[in-house]
């Protein structure tokens, strides 16, 4: 872990969630739609070769994936995120804390990427890394295909400044930048994957 203040912030957030039921978390799923093209893009890969590395909670991400799945069962996707601790109550299972050692920070994003590749025996040159913030560039490496997604318009100017902060130092890691509309659509990536280079005569 690289920043104890970030870790403490995440753990305090979970502490405020103590007592929330599993049903309440599940009921959130329909109100959290994926960005355009996201599920279609994920659906183009073997679910076993998909990983999500997030500051968020494992349970919420897992439920969200299952709720919004497309053609394939995404339960095989690997999720690196904060694991909640649960206990049974008259209202069902409620959040009772978390497992602090599962916090994702800037410092361990690259480690988790390497761990996933080792588990799945994925060659780094075959790895596509997507992110929408400079901190996600920490998961990218010149050996990988790293794509940074930046919205063309962001209603919060402070957030845009944060996205661009330090990007110059991280630039060598990035293979491509996609400047999207406000929706953050991933459709351009889907179109790129569907392109087929024509075979030249005699090739």
N, C-alpha and C. Protein backbone atom coordinates (compact mmCIF):
# COMPACT_ATOMS: atom_id res chain seq x y z
N UNK A 1 0.85 -1.20 0.00
CA UNK A 1 0.00 0.00 0.00
C UNK A 1 0.88 1.24 0.00
N UNK A 2 0.43 2.29 -0.70
CA UNK A 2 1.29 3.45 -0.88
C UNK A 2 0.84 4.69 -0.12
N UNK A 3 -0.40 4.75 0.28
CA UNK A 3 -0.89 5.99 0.89
C UNK A 3 -1.88 5.65 1.99
N UNK A 4 -1.43 5.76 3.22
CA UNK A 4 -2.28 5.36 4.36
C UNK A 4 -3.52 6.24 4.46
N UNK A 5 -3.44 7.50 3.99
CA UNK A 5 -4.62 8.38 4.05
C UNK A 5 -5.71 7.89 3.09
N UNK A 6 -5.30 7.43 1.89
CA UNK A 6 -6.28 6.89 0.94
C UNK A 6 -6.94 5.64 1.51
N UNK A 7 -6.12 4.78 2.12
CA UNK A 7 -6.66 3.54 2.69
C UNK A 7 -7.65 3.87 3.80
N UNK A 8 -7.28 4.81 4.67
CA UNK A 8 -8.17 5.20 5.78
C UNK A 8 -9.47 5.78 5.25
N UNK A 9 -9.41 6.55 4.17
CA UNK A 9 -10.61 7.14 3.58
C UNK A 9 -11.57 6.04 3.12
N UNK A 10 -11.00 5.02 2.44
CA UNK A 10 -11.83 3.92 1.94
C UNK A 10 -12.45 3.15 3.11
N UNK A 11 -11.65 2.89 4.13
CA UNK A 11 -12.17 2.11 5.27
C UNK A 11 -13.24 2.89 6.03
N UNK A 12 -13.08 4.20 6.13
CA UNK A 12 -14.13 5.01 6.78
C UNK A 12 -15.42 4.96 5.97
N UNK A 13 -15.28 4.96 4.64
CA UNK A 13 -16.47 4.87 3.79
C UNK A 13 -17.23 3.58 4.05
N UNK A 14 -16.48 2.48 4.19
CA UNK A 14 -17.13 1.20 4.45
C UNK A 14 -17.77 1.19 5.83
N UNK A 15 -17.12 1.83 6.79
CA UNK A 15 -17.69 1.88 8.13
C UNK A 15 -19.06 2.54 8.11
N UNK A 16 -19.23 3.56 7.25
CA UNK A 16 -20.54 4.22 7.15
C UNK A 16 -21.57 3.31 6.49
N UNK A 17 -21.11 2.26 5.79
CA UNK A 17 -22.03 1.31 5.15
C UNK A 17 -22.47 0.20 6.10
N UNK A 18 -21.88 0.16 7.29
CA UNK A 18 -22.21 -0.91 8.24
C UNK A 18 -23.72 -0.97 8.48
N UNK A 19 -24.29 -2.17 8.36
CA UNK A 19 -25.72 -2.35 8.60
C UNK A 19 -26.56 -2.33 7.33
N UNK A 20 -25.99 -1.92 6.20
CA UNK A 20 -26.73 -1.94 4.94
C UNK A 20 -26.92 -3.39 4.51
N UNK A 21 -28.11 -3.72 4.07
CA UNK A 21 -28.42 -5.10 3.72
C UNK A 21 -27.93 -5.45 2.32
N UNK A 22 -27.75 -6.75 2.11
CA UNK A 22 -27.36 -7.24 0.79
C UNK A 22 -28.43 -6.88 -0.24
N UNK A 23 -29.70 -6.90 0.19
CA UNK A 23 -30.79 -6.56 -0.74
C UNK A 23 -30.68 -5.12 -1.20
N UNK A 24 -30.32 -4.21 -0.30
CA UNK A 24 -30.18 -2.81 -0.70
C UNK A 24 -29.08 -2.64 -1.74
N UNK A 25 -27.98 -3.38 -1.54
CA UNK A 25 -26.91 -3.32 -2.54
C UNK A 25 -27.41 -3.85 -3.87
N UNK A 26 -28.12 -4.98 -3.82
CA UNK A 26 -28.63 -5.60 -5.05
C UNK A 26 -29.59 -4.67 -5.77
N UNK A 27 -30.41 -3.96 -5.00
CA UNK A 27 -31.40 -3.05 -5.60
C UNK A 27 -30.75 -1.85 -6.28
N UNK A 28 -29.47 -1.59 -5.99
CA UNK A 28 -28.76 -0.48 -6.63
C UNK A 28 -28.42 -0.77 -8.08
N UNK A 29 -28.29 -2.06 -8.43
CA UNK A 29 -27.74 -2.43 -9.73
C UNK A 29 -28.44 -1.76 -10.92
N UNK A 30 -29.78 -1.77 -10.99
CA UNK A 30 -30.42 -1.15 -12.16
C UNK A 30 -30.15 0.34 -12.28
N UNK A 31 -29.82 1.01 -11.15
CA UNK A 31 -29.60 2.46 -11.19
C UNK A 31 -28.15 2.81 -11.53
N UNK A 32 -27.32 1.79 -11.80
CA UNK A 32 -25.92 2.03 -12.14
C UNK A 32 -25.65 1.47 -13.54
N UNK A 33 -26.16 2.14 -14.57
CA UNK A 33 -25.99 1.60 -15.93
C UNK A 33 -24.55 1.66 -16.39
N UNK A 34 -24.11 0.69 -17.18
CA UNK A 34 -22.75 0.74 -17.72
C UNK A 34 -22.62 1.82 -18.76
N UNK A 35 -21.41 2.32 -18.93
CA UNK A 35 -21.20 3.30 -19.99
C UNK A 35 -21.43 2.62 -21.34
N UNK A 36 -21.89 3.36 -22.34
CA UNK A 36 -22.18 2.76 -23.65
C UNK A 36 -21.00 1.96 -24.19
N UNK A 37 -21.28 0.75 -24.64
CA UNK A 37 -20.26 -0.09 -25.25
C UNK A 37 -19.47 -0.94 -24.27
N UNK A 38 -19.58 -0.66 -22.95
CA UNK A 38 -18.75 -1.36 -21.98
C UNK A 38 -19.04 -2.86 -21.95
N UNK A 39 -20.30 -3.22 -21.83
CA UNK A 39 -20.64 -4.64 -21.71
C UNK A 39 -20.40 -5.36 -23.03
N UNK A 40 -20.65 -4.67 -24.14
CA UNK A 40 -20.40 -5.28 -25.44
C UNK A 40 -18.90 -5.56 -25.62
N UNK A 41 -18.07 -4.64 -25.12
CA UNK A 41 -16.63 -4.83 -25.21
C UNK A 41 -16.19 -6.02 -24.35
N UNK A 42 -16.66 -6.07 -23.11
CA UNK A 42 -16.32 -7.19 -22.23
C UNK A 42 -16.80 -8.50 -22.83
N UNK A 43 -17.97 -8.45 -23.45
CA UNK A 43 -18.56 -9.66 -24.03
C UNK A 43 -17.72 -10.21 -25.18
N UNK A 44 -16.84 -9.39 -25.74
CA UNK A 44 -15.99 -9.84 -26.83
C UNK A 44 -14.78 -10.65 -26.38
N UNK A 45 -14.63 -10.83 -25.06
CA UNK A 45 -13.50 -11.58 -24.52
C UNK A 45 -14.00 -12.80 -23.75
N UNK A 46 -13.12 -13.77 -23.59
CA UNK A 46 -13.40 -14.89 -22.71
C UNK A 46 -13.50 -14.34 -21.29
N UNK A 47 -14.63 -14.56 -20.59
CA UNK A 47 -14.79 -14.00 -19.24
C UNK A 47 -13.65 -14.37 -18.29
N UNK A 48 -13.04 -15.53 -18.50
CA UNK A 48 -11.94 -15.93 -17.63
C UNK A 48 -10.71 -15.03 -17.83
N UNK A 49 -10.68 -14.31 -18.95
CA UNK A 49 -9.55 -13.43 -19.23
C UNK A 49 -9.89 -11.97 -19.02
N UNK A 50 -10.93 -11.72 -18.21
CA UNK A 50 -11.35 -10.36 -17.89
C UNK A 50 -11.08 -10.11 -16.41
N UNK A 51 -10.44 -8.99 -16.11
CA UNK A 51 -10.22 -8.59 -14.72
C UNK A 51 -10.66 -7.15 -14.53
N UNK A 52 -11.23 -6.88 -13.37
CA UNK A 52 -11.60 -5.51 -13.00
C UNK A 52 -10.84 -5.19 -11.72
N UNK A 53 -10.03 -4.13 -11.78
CA UNK A 53 -9.26 -3.68 -10.63
C UNK A 53 -9.82 -2.34 -10.21
N UNK A 54 -10.35 -2.27 -8.98
CA UNK A 54 -11.14 -1.09 -8.61
C UNK A 54 -10.96 -0.72 -7.14
N UNK A 55 -11.09 0.59 -6.86
CA UNK A 55 -11.13 1.06 -5.48
C UNK A 55 -12.45 0.65 -4.81
N UNK A 56 -13.43 0.23 -5.62
CA UNK A 56 -14.75 -0.09 -5.10
C UNK A 56 -14.80 -1.44 -4.38
N UNK A 57 -16.01 -1.85 -4.03
CA UNK A 57 -16.20 -3.09 -3.27
C UNK A 57 -16.46 -4.26 -4.21
N UNK A 58 -15.87 -5.39 -3.87
CA UNK A 58 -15.98 -6.61 -4.66
C UNK A 58 -17.44 -7.01 -4.85
N UNK A 59 -18.22 -6.98 -3.78
CA UNK A 59 -19.60 -7.46 -3.83
C UNK A 59 -20.45 -6.62 -4.77
N UNK A 60 -20.27 -5.30 -4.72
CA UNK A 60 -21.06 -4.42 -5.58
C UNK A 60 -20.69 -4.63 -7.04
N UNK A 61 -19.39 -4.76 -7.31
CA UNK A 61 -18.94 -4.96 -8.69
C UNK A 61 -19.43 -6.30 -9.23
N UNK A 62 -19.32 -7.34 -8.41
CA UNK A 62 -19.77 -8.67 -8.84
C UNK A 62 -21.27 -8.65 -9.16
N UNK A 63 -22.07 -8.08 -8.27
CA UNK A 63 -23.50 -8.02 -8.51
C UNK A 63 -23.84 -7.19 -9.74
N UNK A 64 -23.09 -6.09 -9.94
CA UNK A 64 -23.32 -5.22 -11.09
C UNK A 64 -23.02 -5.97 -12.39
N UNK A 65 -21.91 -6.73 -12.41
CA UNK A 65 -21.56 -7.50 -13.60
C UNK A 65 -22.63 -8.52 -13.94
N UNK A 66 -23.09 -9.23 -12.93
CA UNK A 66 -24.11 -10.26 -13.14
C UNK A 66 -25.41 -9.63 -13.64
N UNK A 67 -25.77 -8.48 -13.05
CA UNK A 67 -27.02 -7.83 -13.44
C UNK A 67 -26.98 -7.34 -14.88
N UNK A 68 -25.83 -6.81 -15.31
CA UNK A 68 -25.74 -6.21 -16.64
C UNK A 68 -25.10 -7.11 -17.68
N UNK A 69 -24.95 -8.39 -17.37
CA UNK A 69 -24.25 -9.28 -18.30
C UNK A 69 -24.95 -9.30 -19.65
N UNK A 70 -24.17 -9.57 -20.69
CA UNK A 70 -24.72 -9.64 -22.03
C UNK A 70 -24.87 -11.11 -22.41
N UNK A 71 -24.14 -11.58 -23.39
CA UNK A 71 -24.33 -12.95 -23.87
C UNK A 71 -23.66 -13.98 -22.98
N UNK A 72 -22.62 -13.57 -22.27
CA UNK A 72 -21.82 -14.54 -21.54
C UNK A 72 -22.00 -14.41 -20.04
N UNK A 73 -21.72 -15.51 -19.34
CA UNK A 73 -21.75 -15.52 -17.89
C UNK A 73 -20.48 -14.86 -17.39
N UNK A 74 -20.60 -13.71 -16.75
CA UNK A 74 -19.43 -12.96 -16.32
C UNK A 74 -19.01 -13.30 -14.89
N UNK A 75 -19.59 -14.36 -14.33
CA UNK A 75 -19.21 -14.76 -12.98
C UNK A 75 -17.77 -15.25 -12.94
N UNK A 76 -17.18 -15.57 -14.12
CA UNK A 76 -15.81 -16.06 -14.18
C UNK A 76 -14.81 -14.91 -14.23
N UNK A 77 -15.29 -13.69 -14.39
CA UNK A 77 -14.38 -12.55 -14.43
C UNK A 77 -13.71 -12.38 -13.06
N UNK A 78 -12.45 -11.98 -13.07
CA UNK A 78 -11.71 -11.75 -11.82
C UNK A 78 -11.93 -10.32 -11.36
N UNK A 79 -12.22 -10.16 -10.07
CA UNK A 79 -12.44 -8.84 -9.50
C UNK A 79 -11.46 -8.62 -8.36
N UNK A 80 -10.69 -7.55 -8.47
CA UNK A 80 -9.84 -7.12 -7.37
C UNK A 80 -10.50 -5.87 -6.79
N UNK A 81 -11.07 -5.99 -5.61
CA UNK A 81 -11.73 -4.88 -4.96
C UNK A 81 -11.90 -5.18 -3.49
N UNK A 82 -12.32 -4.21 -2.74
CA UNK A 82 -12.48 -4.36 -1.30
C UNK A 82 -13.55 -5.40 -0.98
N UNK A 83 -13.19 -6.39 -0.19
CA UNK A 83 -14.15 -7.44 0.17
C UNK A 83 -14.84 -7.06 1.48
N UNK A 84 -16.15 -7.05 1.41
CA UNK A 84 -16.96 -6.72 2.59
C UNK A 84 -17.06 -7.92 3.51
N UNK A 85 -17.25 -7.64 4.79
CA UNK A 85 -17.55 -8.68 5.78
C UNK A 85 -19.05 -8.59 6.08
N UNK A 86 -19.71 -9.74 6.17
CA UNK A 86 -21.16 -9.77 6.35
C UNK A 86 -21.52 -10.52 7.64
N UNK A 87 -22.67 -10.19 8.18
CA UNK A 87 -23.23 -10.99 9.28
C UNK A 87 -24.73 -11.12 9.07
N UNK A 88 -25.29 -12.15 9.62
CA UNK A 88 -26.73 -12.40 9.45
C UNK A 88 -27.50 -11.60 10.49
N UNK A 89 -28.63 -11.06 10.07
CA UNK A 89 -29.49 -10.28 10.96
C UNK A 89 -30.94 -10.60 10.62
N UNK A 90 -31.89 -10.11 11.39
CA UNK A 90 -33.31 -10.33 11.06
C UNK A 90 -33.68 -9.82 9.66
N UNK A 91 -32.94 -8.84 9.15
CA UNK A 91 -33.21 -8.28 7.82
C UNK A 91 -32.45 -9.00 6.71
N UNK A 92 -31.74 -10.07 7.06
CA UNK A 92 -30.91 -10.76 6.08
C UNK A 92 -29.45 -10.47 6.38
N UNK A 93 -28.60 -10.61 5.39
CA UNK A 93 -27.18 -10.32 5.60
C UNK A 93 -26.93 -8.82 5.52
N UNK A 94 -26.17 -8.33 6.50
CA UNK A 94 -25.84 -6.90 6.53
C UNK A 94 -24.32 -6.73 6.56
N UNK A 95 -23.87 -5.57 6.09
CA UNK A 95 -22.44 -5.28 6.08
C UNK A 95 -21.95 -5.08 7.51
N UNK A 96 -20.86 -5.76 7.83
CA UNK A 96 -20.31 -5.72 9.19
C UNK A 96 -18.86 -5.24 9.19
N UNK A 97 -18.44 -4.59 8.11
CA UNK A 97 -17.06 -4.15 8.01
C UNK A 97 -16.45 -4.60 6.69
N UNK A 98 -15.16 -4.83 6.70
CA UNK A 98 -14.48 -5.23 5.47
C UNK A 98 -13.15 -5.89 5.81
N UNK A 99 -12.52 -6.45 4.79
CA UNK A 99 -11.21 -7.05 4.94
C UNK A 99 -10.19 -6.04 4.42
N UNK A 100 -9.54 -5.34 5.34
CA UNK A 100 -8.68 -4.20 4.98
C UNK A 100 -7.57 -4.58 4.02
N UNK A 101 -7.11 -5.84 4.08
CA UNK A 101 -5.99 -6.23 3.23
C UNK A 101 -6.38 -6.32 1.76
N UNK A 102 -7.68 -6.19 1.45
CA UNK A 102 -8.12 -6.27 0.05
C UNK A 102 -8.32 -4.89 -0.56
N UNK A 103 -7.94 -3.82 0.14
CA UNK A 103 -8.05 -2.47 -0.40
C UNK A 103 -7.14 -2.33 -1.63
N UNK A 104 -7.69 -1.80 -2.71
CA UNK A 104 -6.90 -1.51 -3.91
C UNK A 104 -6.43 -0.06 -3.83
N UNK A 105 -5.14 0.17 -4.05
CA UNK A 105 -4.58 1.53 -4.04
C UNK A 105 -3.74 1.72 -5.29
N UNK A 106 -3.25 2.93 -5.48
CA UNK A 106 -2.34 3.17 -6.60
C UNK A 106 -1.13 2.25 -6.53
N UNK A 107 -0.68 1.99 -5.31
CA UNK A 107 0.54 1.23 -5.12
C UNK A 107 0.47 -0.23 -5.51
N UNK A 108 -0.72 -0.82 -5.47
CA UNK A 108 -0.79 -2.26 -5.78
C UNK A 108 -1.54 -2.58 -7.07
N UNK A 109 -1.91 -1.56 -7.84
CA UNK A 109 -2.61 -1.84 -9.10
C UNK A 109 -1.74 -2.64 -10.07
N UNK A 110 -0.48 -2.24 -10.20
CA UNK A 110 0.42 -2.96 -11.09
C UNK A 110 0.67 -4.39 -10.62
N UNK A 111 0.77 -4.57 -9.30
CA UNK A 111 0.97 -5.91 -8.76
C UNK A 111 -0.23 -6.80 -9.07
N UNK A 112 -1.43 -6.27 -8.93
CA UNK A 112 -2.63 -7.05 -9.20
C UNK A 112 -2.73 -7.41 -10.68
N UNK A 113 -2.32 -6.49 -11.54
CA UNK A 113 -2.28 -6.79 -12.98
C UNK A 113 -1.36 -7.99 -13.24
N UNK A 114 -0.17 -7.95 -12.65
CA UNK A 114 0.79 -9.04 -12.86
C UNK A 114 0.29 -10.35 -12.26
N UNK A 115 -0.38 -10.25 -11.12
CA UNK A 115 -0.93 -11.45 -10.48
C UNK A 115 -1.98 -12.09 -11.38
N UNK A 116 -2.84 -11.27 -11.96
CA UNK A 116 -3.87 -11.79 -12.86
C UNK A 116 -3.24 -12.46 -14.07
N UNK A 117 -2.24 -11.83 -14.68
CA UNK A 117 -1.58 -12.42 -15.85
C UNK A 117 -0.93 -13.75 -15.49
N UNK A 118 -0.31 -13.83 -14.32
CA UNK A 118 0.34 -15.07 -13.91
C UNK A 118 -0.68 -16.18 -13.70
N UNK A 119 -1.80 -15.84 -13.08
CA UNK A 119 -2.84 -16.85 -12.84
C UNK A 119 -3.43 -17.38 -14.13
N UNK A 120 -3.61 -16.50 -15.10
CA UNK A 120 -4.26 -16.88 -16.36
C UNK A 120 -3.25 -17.21 -17.46
N UNK A 121 -1.96 -17.11 -17.12
CA UNK A 121 -0.89 -17.38 -18.09
C UNK A 121 -1.07 -16.52 -19.35
N UNK A 122 -1.30 -15.23 -19.10
CA UNK A 122 -1.49 -14.26 -20.18
C UNK A 122 -0.17 -13.56 -20.44
N UNK A 123 0.27 -13.57 -21.68
CA UNK A 123 1.47 -12.84 -22.06
C UNK A 123 1.19 -11.34 -21.96
N UNK A 124 2.06 -10.57 -21.31
CA UNK A 124 1.81 -9.12 -21.17
C UNK A 124 1.52 -8.43 -22.49
N UNK A 125 2.11 -8.89 -23.59
CA UNK A 125 1.88 -8.23 -24.88
C UNK A 125 0.47 -8.47 -25.40
N UNK A 126 -0.24 -9.45 -24.83
CA UNK A 126 -1.62 -9.73 -25.22
C UNK A 126 -2.64 -9.10 -24.28
N UNK A 127 -2.17 -8.25 -23.39
CA UNK A 127 -3.05 -7.67 -22.38
C UNK A 127 -3.53 -6.29 -22.81
N UNK A 128 -4.85 -6.08 -22.78
CA UNK A 128 -5.45 -4.77 -23.03
C UNK A 128 -5.83 -4.18 -21.68
N UNK A 129 -5.29 -3.01 -21.38
CA UNK A 129 -5.58 -2.33 -20.11
C UNK A 129 -6.37 -1.06 -20.40
N UNK A 130 -7.55 -0.95 -19.83
CA UNK A 130 -8.40 0.23 -20.01
C UNK A 130 -8.47 1.02 -18.72
N UNK A 131 -8.47 2.34 -18.83
CA UNK A 131 -8.62 3.17 -17.65
C UNK A 131 -9.10 4.55 -18.04
N UNK A 132 -9.69 5.27 -17.07
CA UNK A 132 -10.18 6.62 -17.39
C UNK A 132 -9.63 7.68 -16.45
N UNK A 133 -8.50 7.37 -15.80
CA UNK A 133 -7.84 8.35 -14.93
C UNK A 133 -6.35 8.10 -14.95
N UNK A 134 -5.54 9.14 -14.69
CA UNK A 134 -4.09 8.94 -14.67
C UNK A 134 -3.64 7.84 -13.73
N UNK A 135 -4.35 7.63 -12.63
CA UNK A 135 -3.96 6.55 -11.72
C UNK A 135 -4.09 5.18 -12.38
N UNK A 136 -4.99 5.06 -13.36
CA UNK A 136 -5.14 3.78 -14.07
C UNK A 136 -3.94 3.50 -14.97
N UNK A 137 -3.22 4.57 -15.33
CA UNK A 137 -2.03 4.38 -16.16
C UNK A 137 -0.98 3.57 -15.41
N UNK A 138 -1.07 3.55 -14.08
CA UNK A 138 -0.15 2.75 -13.27
C UNK A 138 -0.32 1.26 -13.55
N UNK A 139 -1.47 0.86 -14.13
CA UNK A 139 -1.68 -0.54 -14.52
C UNK A 139 -1.13 -0.82 -15.90
N UNK A 140 -0.76 0.24 -16.61
CA UNK A 140 -0.30 0.09 -17.98
C UNK A 140 1.22 -0.02 -18.00
N UNK A 141 1.73 -0.62 -19.06
CA UNK A 141 3.15 -0.88 -19.19
C UNK A 141 3.46 -0.88 -20.68
N UNK A 142 4.66 -0.48 -21.08
CA UNK A 142 4.98 -0.51 -22.51
C UNK A 142 4.77 -1.87 -23.17
N UNK A 143 4.80 -2.94 -22.37
CA UNK A 143 4.57 -4.27 -22.94
C UNK A 143 3.10 -4.53 -23.25
N UNK A 144 2.20 -3.80 -22.59
CA UNK A 144 0.77 -3.98 -22.77
C UNK A 144 0.23 -3.01 -23.81
N UNK A 145 -1.04 -3.20 -24.17
CA UNK A 145 -1.78 -2.18 -24.92
C UNK A 145 -2.58 -1.40 -23.89
N UNK A 146 -2.18 -0.18 -23.64
CA UNK A 146 -2.84 0.64 -22.64
C UNK A 146 -3.66 1.74 -23.28
N UNK A 147 -4.95 1.78 -22.96
CA UNK A 147 -5.86 2.77 -23.56
C UNK A 147 -6.45 3.64 -22.45
N UNK A 148 -6.19 4.93 -22.54
CA UNK A 148 -6.74 5.89 -21.58
C UNK A 148 -7.95 6.56 -22.20
N UNK A 149 -9.07 6.54 -21.49
CA UNK A 149 -10.33 7.10 -21.99
C UNK A 149 -10.59 8.41 -21.27
N UNK A 150 -10.69 9.49 -22.02
CA UNK A 150 -10.90 10.81 -21.43
C UNK A 150 -12.17 11.42 -22.02
N UNK A 151 -13.12 11.83 -21.20
CA UNK A 151 -14.33 12.46 -21.74
C UNK A 151 -14.02 13.83 -22.33
N UNK A 152 -14.63 14.12 -23.46
CA UNK A 152 -14.41 15.42 -24.12
C UNK A 152 -14.94 16.55 -23.27
N UNK A 153 -16.05 16.30 -22.60
CA UNK A 153 -16.66 17.31 -21.75
C UNK A 153 -16.90 16.69 -20.38
N UNK A 154 -16.46 17.36 -19.33
CA UNK A 154 -16.72 16.88 -17.98
C UNK A 154 -17.37 18.02 -17.21
N UNK A 155 -18.53 17.80 -16.59
CA UNK A 155 -19.23 18.89 -15.89
C UNK A 155 -18.45 19.41 -14.69
N UNK A 156 -17.49 18.63 -14.19
CA UNK A 156 -16.71 19.05 -13.03
C UNK A 156 -15.30 19.41 -13.51
N UNK A 157 -14.97 20.70 -13.62
CA UNK A 157 -13.64 21.08 -14.13
C UNK A 157 -12.51 20.59 -13.24
N UNK A 158 -12.77 20.48 -11.96
CA UNK A 158 -11.75 19.98 -11.05
C UNK A 158 -11.39 18.54 -11.35
N UNK A 159 -12.38 17.76 -11.74
CA UNK A 159 -12.13 16.36 -12.05
C UNK A 159 -11.29 16.24 -13.32
N UNK A 160 -11.54 17.09 -14.29
CA UNK A 160 -10.75 17.06 -15.51
C UNK A 160 -9.29 17.41 -15.20
N UNK A 161 -9.08 18.40 -14.34
CA UNK A 161 -7.70 18.75 -13.96
C UNK A 161 -7.04 17.56 -13.28
N UNK A 162 -7.79 16.85 -12.46
CA UNK A 162 -7.24 15.67 -11.77
C UNK A 162 -6.87 14.58 -12.78
N UNK A 163 -7.73 14.40 -13.77
CA UNK A 163 -7.46 13.36 -14.78
C UNK A 163 -6.16 13.65 -15.53
N UNK A 164 -5.89 14.92 -15.75
CA UNK A 164 -4.73 15.29 -16.55
C UNK A 164 -3.47 15.50 -15.73
N UNK A 165 -3.63 15.59 -14.40
CA UNK A 165 -2.47 15.85 -13.55
C UNK A 165 -1.46 14.70 -13.64
N UNK A 166 -0.24 15.05 -13.86
CA UNK A 166 0.82 14.04 -13.89
C UNK A 166 0.83 13.17 -15.13
N UNK A 167 -0.04 13.46 -16.10
CA UNK A 167 -0.13 12.59 -17.28
C UNK A 167 1.17 12.61 -18.09
N UNK A 168 1.85 13.77 -18.10
CA UNK A 168 3.07 13.87 -18.90
C UNK A 168 4.11 12.84 -18.45
N UNK A 169 4.24 12.65 -17.14
CA UNK A 169 5.22 11.71 -16.62
C UNK A 169 4.83 10.27 -16.92
N UNK A 170 3.53 10.02 -17.07
CA UNK A 170 3.05 8.66 -17.30
C UNK A 170 2.87 8.34 -18.77
N UNK A 171 3.07 9.34 -19.64
CA UNK A 171 2.75 9.20 -21.06
C UNK A 171 3.39 8.00 -21.73
N UNK A 172 4.66 7.66 -21.43
CA UNK A 172 5.30 6.53 -22.14
C UNK A 172 4.57 5.20 -21.95
N UNK A 173 3.73 5.08 -20.94
CA UNK A 173 3.04 3.82 -20.68
C UNK A 173 1.80 3.66 -21.57
N UNK A 174 1.28 4.76 -22.10
CA UNK A 174 -0.01 4.74 -22.79
C UNK A 174 0.17 4.45 -24.28
N UNK A 175 -0.62 3.49 -24.81
CA UNK A 175 -0.57 3.17 -26.23
C UNK A 175 -1.50 4.07 -27.03
N UNK A 176 -2.64 4.44 -26.44
CA UNK A 176 -3.64 5.24 -27.16
C UNK A 176 -4.50 6.00 -26.18
N UNK A 177 -5.03 7.12 -26.64
CA UNK A 177 -5.97 7.91 -25.85
C UNK A 177 -7.24 8.05 -26.67
N UNK A 178 -8.37 7.77 -26.06
CA UNK A 178 -9.66 7.95 -26.73
C UNK A 178 -10.37 9.12 -26.06
N UNK A 179 -10.64 10.15 -26.84
CA UNK A 179 -11.38 11.31 -26.36
C UNK A 179 -12.85 11.07 -26.67
N UNK A 180 -13.63 10.84 -25.65
CA UNK A 180 -15.02 10.43 -25.85
C UNK A 180 -15.97 11.59 -25.60
N UNK A 181 -17.23 11.35 -25.89
CA UNK A 181 -18.27 12.29 -25.52
C UNK A 181 -18.51 12.23 -24.03
N UNK A 182 -19.48 12.97 -23.56
CA UNK A 182 -19.75 13.04 -22.13
C UNK A 182 -20.15 11.69 -21.56
N UNK A 183 -20.68 10.81 -22.40
CA UNK A 183 -21.12 9.50 -21.92
C UNK A 183 -19.95 8.56 -21.66
N UNK A 184 -18.76 8.91 -22.15
CA UNK A 184 -17.62 8.02 -21.97
C UNK A 184 -17.74 6.74 -22.78
N UNK A 185 -18.40 6.80 -23.91
CA UNK A 185 -18.68 5.60 -24.71
C UNK A 185 -17.41 4.87 -25.11
N UNK A 186 -17.48 3.53 -25.04
CA UNK A 186 -16.38 2.68 -25.48
C UNK A 186 -16.62 2.12 -26.88
N UNK A 187 -17.63 2.63 -27.56
CA UNK A 187 -17.93 2.14 -28.92
C UNK A 187 -16.74 2.25 -29.87
N UNK A 188 -15.90 3.32 -29.78
CA UNK A 188 -14.75 3.37 -30.69
C UNK A 188 -13.82 2.16 -30.54
N UNK A 189 -13.69 1.65 -29.32
CA UNK A 189 -12.83 0.48 -29.12
C UNK A 189 -13.44 -0.76 -29.77
N UNK A 190 -14.76 -0.87 -29.67
CA UNK A 190 -15.44 -2.01 -30.30
C UNK A 190 -15.23 -1.95 -31.81
N UNK A 191 -15.35 -0.75 -32.37
CA UNK A 191 -15.15 -0.60 -33.82
C UNK A 191 -13.72 -0.95 -34.22
N UNK A 192 -12.74 -0.54 -33.41
CA UNK A 192 -11.35 -0.87 -33.71
C UNK A 192 -11.12 -2.38 -33.70
N UNK A 193 -11.73 -3.07 -32.75
CA UNK A 193 -11.55 -4.52 -32.66
C UNK A 193 -12.21 -5.24 -33.83
N UNK A 194 -13.23 -4.61 -34.41
CA UNK A 194 -13.94 -5.26 -35.51
C UNK A 194 -13.30 -4.99 -36.87
N UNK A 195 -12.35 -4.06 -36.90
CA UNK A 195 -11.69 -3.75 -38.17
C UNK A 195 -10.87 -4.94 -38.64
N UNK A 196 -10.88 -5.18 -39.94
CA UNK A 196 -10.07 -6.24 -40.52
C UNK A 196 -9.20 -5.62 -41.60
N UNK A 197 -7.90 -5.77 -41.48
CA UNK A 197 -6.99 -5.21 -42.46
C UNK A 197 -7.09 -6.01 -43.76
N UNK A 198 -7.33 -5.37 -44.89
CA UNK A 198 -7.44 -6.10 -46.16
C UNK A 198 -6.11 -6.76 -46.54
N UNK A 199 -6.18 -7.93 -47.11
CA UNK A 199 -4.98 -8.66 -47.52
C UNK A 199 -4.55 -8.18 -48.90
N UNK A 200 -3.32 -7.75 -49.00
CA UNK A 200 -2.80 -7.24 -50.27
C UNK A 200 -2.62 -8.39 -51.25
N UNK A 201 -2.82 -8.14 -52.56
CA UNK A 201 -2.63 -9.20 -53.58
C UNK A 201 -1.23 -9.80 -53.48
N UNK A 202 -1.17 -11.12 -53.51
CA UNK A 202 0.10 -11.82 -53.47
C UNK A 202 0.67 -11.99 -52.07
N UNK A 203 -0.03 -11.42 -51.05
CA UNK A 203 0.48 -11.54 -49.67
C UNK A 203 0.17 -12.92 -49.12
